[in-house]
N, C-alpha and C. Protein backbone atom coordinates (compact mmCIF):
# COMPACT_ATOMS: atom_id res chain seq x y z
N MET A 1 -16.21 47.11 27.78
CA MET A 1 -17.02 46.91 26.60
C MET A 1 -18.12 47.97 26.55
N ASN A 2 -18.27 48.62 25.42
CA ASN A 2 -19.32 49.61 25.24
C ASN A 2 -20.48 49.03 24.45
N VAL A 3 -21.68 49.44 24.80
CA VAL A 3 -22.90 49.07 24.09
C VAL A 3 -23.75 50.32 23.96
N THR A 4 -24.79 50.22 23.17
CA THR A 4 -25.69 51.35 23.04
C THR A 4 -26.61 51.42 24.25
N ALA A 5 -26.65 52.59 24.86
CA ALA A 5 -27.61 52.91 25.90
C ALA A 5 -28.54 53.96 25.30
N TYR A 6 -29.56 54.33 26.02
CA TYR A 6 -30.52 55.30 25.50
C TYR A 6 -30.79 56.35 26.57
N VAL A 7 -30.92 57.59 26.14
CA VAL A 7 -31.16 58.68 27.09
C VAL A 7 -32.28 59.57 26.55
N TYR A 8 -33.07 60.10 27.50
CA TYR A 8 -34.11 61.06 27.14
C TYR A 8 -34.03 62.22 28.12
N PRO A 9 -33.86 63.45 27.60
CA PRO A 9 -33.71 64.62 28.47
C PRO A 9 -35.07 65.17 28.92
N SER A 10 -35.56 64.72 30.05
CA SER A 10 -36.85 65.21 30.55
C SER A 10 -36.65 66.52 31.32
N ALA A 11 -37.75 67.15 31.68
CA ALA A 11 -37.70 68.36 32.50
C ALA A 11 -37.13 68.08 33.89
N LYS A 12 -37.14 66.82 34.30
CA LYS A 12 -36.62 66.42 35.61
C LYS A 12 -35.17 65.94 35.52
N GLY A 13 -34.58 66.05 34.36
CA GLY A 13 -33.21 65.58 34.14
C GLY A 13 -33.22 64.36 33.26
N PRO A 14 -32.05 63.90 32.84
CA PRO A 14 -31.99 62.78 31.91
C PRO A 14 -32.40 61.45 32.55
N PHE A 15 -33.16 60.69 31.80
CA PHE A 15 -33.49 59.31 32.16
C PHE A 15 -32.72 58.41 31.21
N TRP A 16 -32.17 57.35 31.73
CA TRP A 16 -31.32 56.44 30.96
C TRP A 16 -31.93 55.04 30.92
N ILE A 17 -31.67 54.34 29.83
CA ILE A 17 -31.93 52.91 29.73
C ILE A 17 -30.59 52.29 29.38
N VAL A 18 -30.07 51.48 30.30
CA VAL A 18 -28.72 50.95 30.17
C VAL A 18 -28.71 49.44 30.39
N LEU A 19 -27.74 48.79 29.75
CA LEU A 19 -27.54 47.36 29.93
C LEU A 19 -26.60 47.11 31.10
N ARG A 20 -27.00 46.22 31.99
CA ARG A 20 -26.15 45.84 33.13
C ARG A 20 -25.44 44.52 32.80
N LYS A 21 -24.45 44.18 33.58
CA LYS A 21 -23.69 42.94 33.37
C LYS A 21 -24.56 41.70 33.51
N THR A 22 -25.71 41.82 34.13
CA THR A 22 -26.64 40.70 34.28
C THR A 22 -27.33 40.36 32.96
N GLY A 23 -27.20 41.25 31.96
CA GLY A 23 -27.89 41.06 30.69
C GLY A 23 -29.28 41.68 30.67
N ARG A 24 -29.64 42.37 31.72
CA ARG A 24 -30.95 43.03 31.82
C ARG A 24 -30.79 44.53 31.59
N TRP A 25 -31.82 45.14 31.04
CA TRP A 25 -31.86 46.57 30.80
C TRP A 25 -32.49 47.26 32.00
N HIS A 26 -31.91 48.38 32.44
CA HIS A 26 -32.40 49.09 33.61
C HIS A 26 -32.73 50.53 33.26
N VAL A 27 -33.80 51.04 33.86
CA VAL A 27 -34.16 52.44 33.76
C VAL A 27 -33.52 53.16 34.94
N LEU A 28 -32.76 54.21 34.65
CA LEU A 28 -32.07 54.96 35.69
C LEU A 28 -32.45 56.44 35.62
N TRP A 29 -32.58 57.03 36.79
CA TRP A 29 -32.71 58.48 36.92
C TRP A 29 -31.84 58.88 38.09
N GLU A 30 -30.89 59.78 37.83
CA GLU A 30 -29.88 60.16 38.82
C GLU A 30 -29.26 58.86 39.35
N VAL A 31 -29.34 58.58 40.64
CA VAL A 31 -28.77 57.34 41.18
C VAL A 31 -29.84 56.29 41.44
N GLU A 32 -31.08 56.55 41.02
CA GLU A 32 -32.18 55.64 41.29
C GLU A 32 -32.37 54.65 40.14
N ASP A 33 -32.44 53.36 40.49
CA ASP A 33 -32.73 52.29 39.53
C ASP A 33 -34.23 52.03 39.60
N LEU A 34 -34.92 52.25 38.48
CA LEU A 34 -36.38 52.20 38.47
C LEU A 34 -36.95 50.87 37.98
N GLY A 35 -36.09 49.93 37.61
CA GLY A 35 -36.60 48.63 37.19
C GLY A 35 -35.69 47.93 36.21
N SER A 36 -35.91 46.63 36.07
CA SER A 36 -35.11 45.74 35.24
C SER A 36 -36.00 45.12 34.17
N TYR A 37 -35.50 45.08 32.92
CA TYR A 37 -36.32 44.64 31.78
C TYR A 37 -35.53 43.74 30.84
N HIS A 38 -36.24 42.93 30.06
CA HIS A 38 -35.60 42.02 29.11
C HIS A 38 -35.16 42.73 27.83
N SER A 39 -35.71 43.93 27.57
CA SER A 39 -35.33 44.67 26.36
C SER A 39 -35.45 46.17 26.63
N PRO A 40 -34.74 46.98 25.87
CA PRO A 40 -34.88 48.43 26.07
C PRO A 40 -36.28 48.92 25.71
N GLN A 41 -36.94 48.33 24.73
CA GLN A 41 -38.29 48.76 24.37
C GLN A 41 -39.27 48.46 25.51
N ALA A 42 -39.11 47.33 26.18
CA ALA A 42 -39.97 47.02 27.33
C ALA A 42 -39.78 48.06 28.44
N ALA A 43 -38.55 48.51 28.63
CA ALA A 43 -38.27 49.54 29.63
C ALA A 43 -38.96 50.85 29.24
N VAL A 44 -38.86 51.23 27.97
CA VAL A 44 -39.52 52.45 27.49
C VAL A 44 -41.03 52.36 27.68
N ASN A 45 -41.61 51.22 27.35
CA ASN A 45 -43.06 51.05 27.50
C ASN A 45 -43.51 51.27 28.94
N ASP A 46 -42.80 50.64 29.87
CA ASP A 46 -43.18 50.78 31.28
C ASP A 46 -42.94 52.20 31.79
N LEU A 47 -41.84 52.81 31.39
CA LEU A 47 -41.55 54.17 31.84
C LEU A 47 -42.59 55.15 31.31
N ALA A 48 -42.89 55.08 30.03
CA ALA A 48 -43.87 56.00 29.43
C ALA A 48 -45.25 55.82 30.05
N GLY A 49 -45.58 54.61 30.47
CA GLY A 49 -46.88 54.35 31.08
C GLY A 49 -46.92 54.55 32.58
N GLY A 50 -45.78 54.89 33.18
CA GLY A 50 -45.73 55.08 34.64
C GLY A 50 -45.75 53.79 35.41
N HIS A 51 -45.29 52.69 34.77
CA HIS A 51 -45.33 51.37 35.41
C HIS A 51 -44.00 50.93 35.98
N THR A 52 -42.99 51.81 35.96
CA THR A 52 -41.73 51.50 36.62
C THR A 52 -41.87 51.88 38.09
N HIS A 53 -40.82 51.61 38.87
CA HIS A 53 -40.78 52.20 40.21
C HIS A 53 -40.75 53.71 39.97
N TRP A 54 -41.45 54.45 40.78
CA TRP A 54 -41.47 55.90 40.60
C TRP A 54 -40.21 56.52 41.19
N PRO A 55 -39.57 57.40 40.45
CA PRO A 55 -38.44 58.12 41.02
C PRO A 55 -38.94 59.13 42.05
N THR A 56 -38.04 59.65 42.84
CA THR A 56 -38.45 60.63 43.86
C THR A 56 -38.98 61.91 43.24
N CYS A 57 -38.77 62.13 41.95
CA CYS A 57 -39.26 63.35 41.30
C CYS A 57 -40.71 63.23 40.84
N GLY A 58 -41.34 62.05 40.99
CA GLY A 58 -42.76 61.94 40.69
C GLY A 58 -43.14 60.86 39.69
N ASP A 59 -44.36 60.94 39.21
CA ASP A 59 -44.95 59.96 38.30
C ASP A 59 -44.35 60.10 36.90
N PRO A 60 -43.61 59.11 36.44
CA PRO A 60 -42.97 59.23 35.13
C PRO A 60 -43.96 59.31 33.96
N SER A 61 -45.18 58.86 34.15
CA SER A 61 -46.15 58.96 33.05
C SER A 61 -46.55 60.41 32.77
N GLN A 62 -46.21 61.31 33.67
CA GLN A 62 -46.53 62.72 33.50
C GLN A 62 -45.41 63.52 32.84
N PHE A 63 -44.28 62.87 32.49
CA PHE A 63 -43.11 63.58 31.98
C PHE A 63 -43.03 63.62 30.46
N GLY A 64 -43.99 63.00 29.78
CA GLY A 64 -44.03 63.07 28.32
C GLY A 64 -43.00 62.22 27.61
N PHE A 65 -42.63 61.09 28.17
CA PHE A 65 -41.67 60.21 27.51
C PHE A 65 -42.25 59.64 26.23
N PRO A 66 -41.47 59.61 25.16
CA PRO A 66 -41.94 58.95 23.94
C PRO A 66 -42.02 57.44 24.18
N SER A 67 -42.99 56.80 23.57
CA SER A 67 -43.17 55.36 23.77
C SER A 67 -42.40 54.51 22.77
N GLU A 68 -41.70 55.13 21.84
CA GLU A 68 -40.88 54.40 20.87
C GLU A 68 -39.41 54.61 21.17
N LEU A 69 -38.67 53.52 21.25
CA LEU A 69 -37.24 53.58 21.51
C LEU A 69 -36.52 54.43 20.47
N ALA A 70 -37.00 54.45 19.25
CA ALA A 70 -36.37 55.23 18.18
C ALA A 70 -36.37 56.72 18.48
N ASP A 71 -37.24 57.17 19.40
CA ASP A 71 -37.30 58.58 19.76
C ASP A 71 -36.36 58.94 20.91
N TRP A 72 -35.67 57.95 21.44
CA TRP A 72 -34.67 58.18 22.48
C TRP A 72 -33.31 58.33 21.79
N GLU A 73 -32.40 59.05 22.43
CA GLU A 73 -31.07 59.25 21.84
C GLU A 73 -30.17 58.07 22.18
N PRO A 74 -29.61 57.38 21.17
CA PRO A 74 -28.66 56.31 21.45
C PRO A 74 -27.30 56.90 21.80
N VAL A 75 -26.65 56.29 22.79
CA VAL A 75 -25.35 56.76 23.29
C VAL A 75 -24.50 55.53 23.58
N GLU A 76 -23.24 55.56 23.16
CA GLU A 76 -22.33 54.48 23.51
C GLU A 76 -21.92 54.64 24.97
N ARG A 77 -22.04 53.55 25.72
CA ARG A 77 -21.76 53.61 27.16
C ARG A 77 -21.25 52.25 27.62
N ALA A 78 -20.41 52.26 28.63
CA ALA A 78 -19.89 51.02 29.19
C ALA A 78 -21.01 50.25 29.88
N VAL A 79 -20.94 48.93 29.82
CA VAL A 79 -21.88 48.08 30.56
C VAL A 79 -21.61 48.28 32.04
N LEU A 80 -22.65 48.50 32.80
CA LEU A 80 -22.50 48.76 34.25
C LEU A 80 -22.50 47.50 35.06
């Protein structure tokens, strides 16, 4: 089953917001899972504010993520 996921191409590589089979949205960078959220907008809010788990590449609040989900690219992707 495919659903809409969201991706943002940062200088550190793409960050993803994807739906897992648990029904929760997760922020991913490379193979790192940075947190679980009830909605994709909640994930964007925490990532833009640096309130997720920090990836090994540093503080996500310094990467210039847009705080509106509409500014992320929607992509069809399989539920993980």
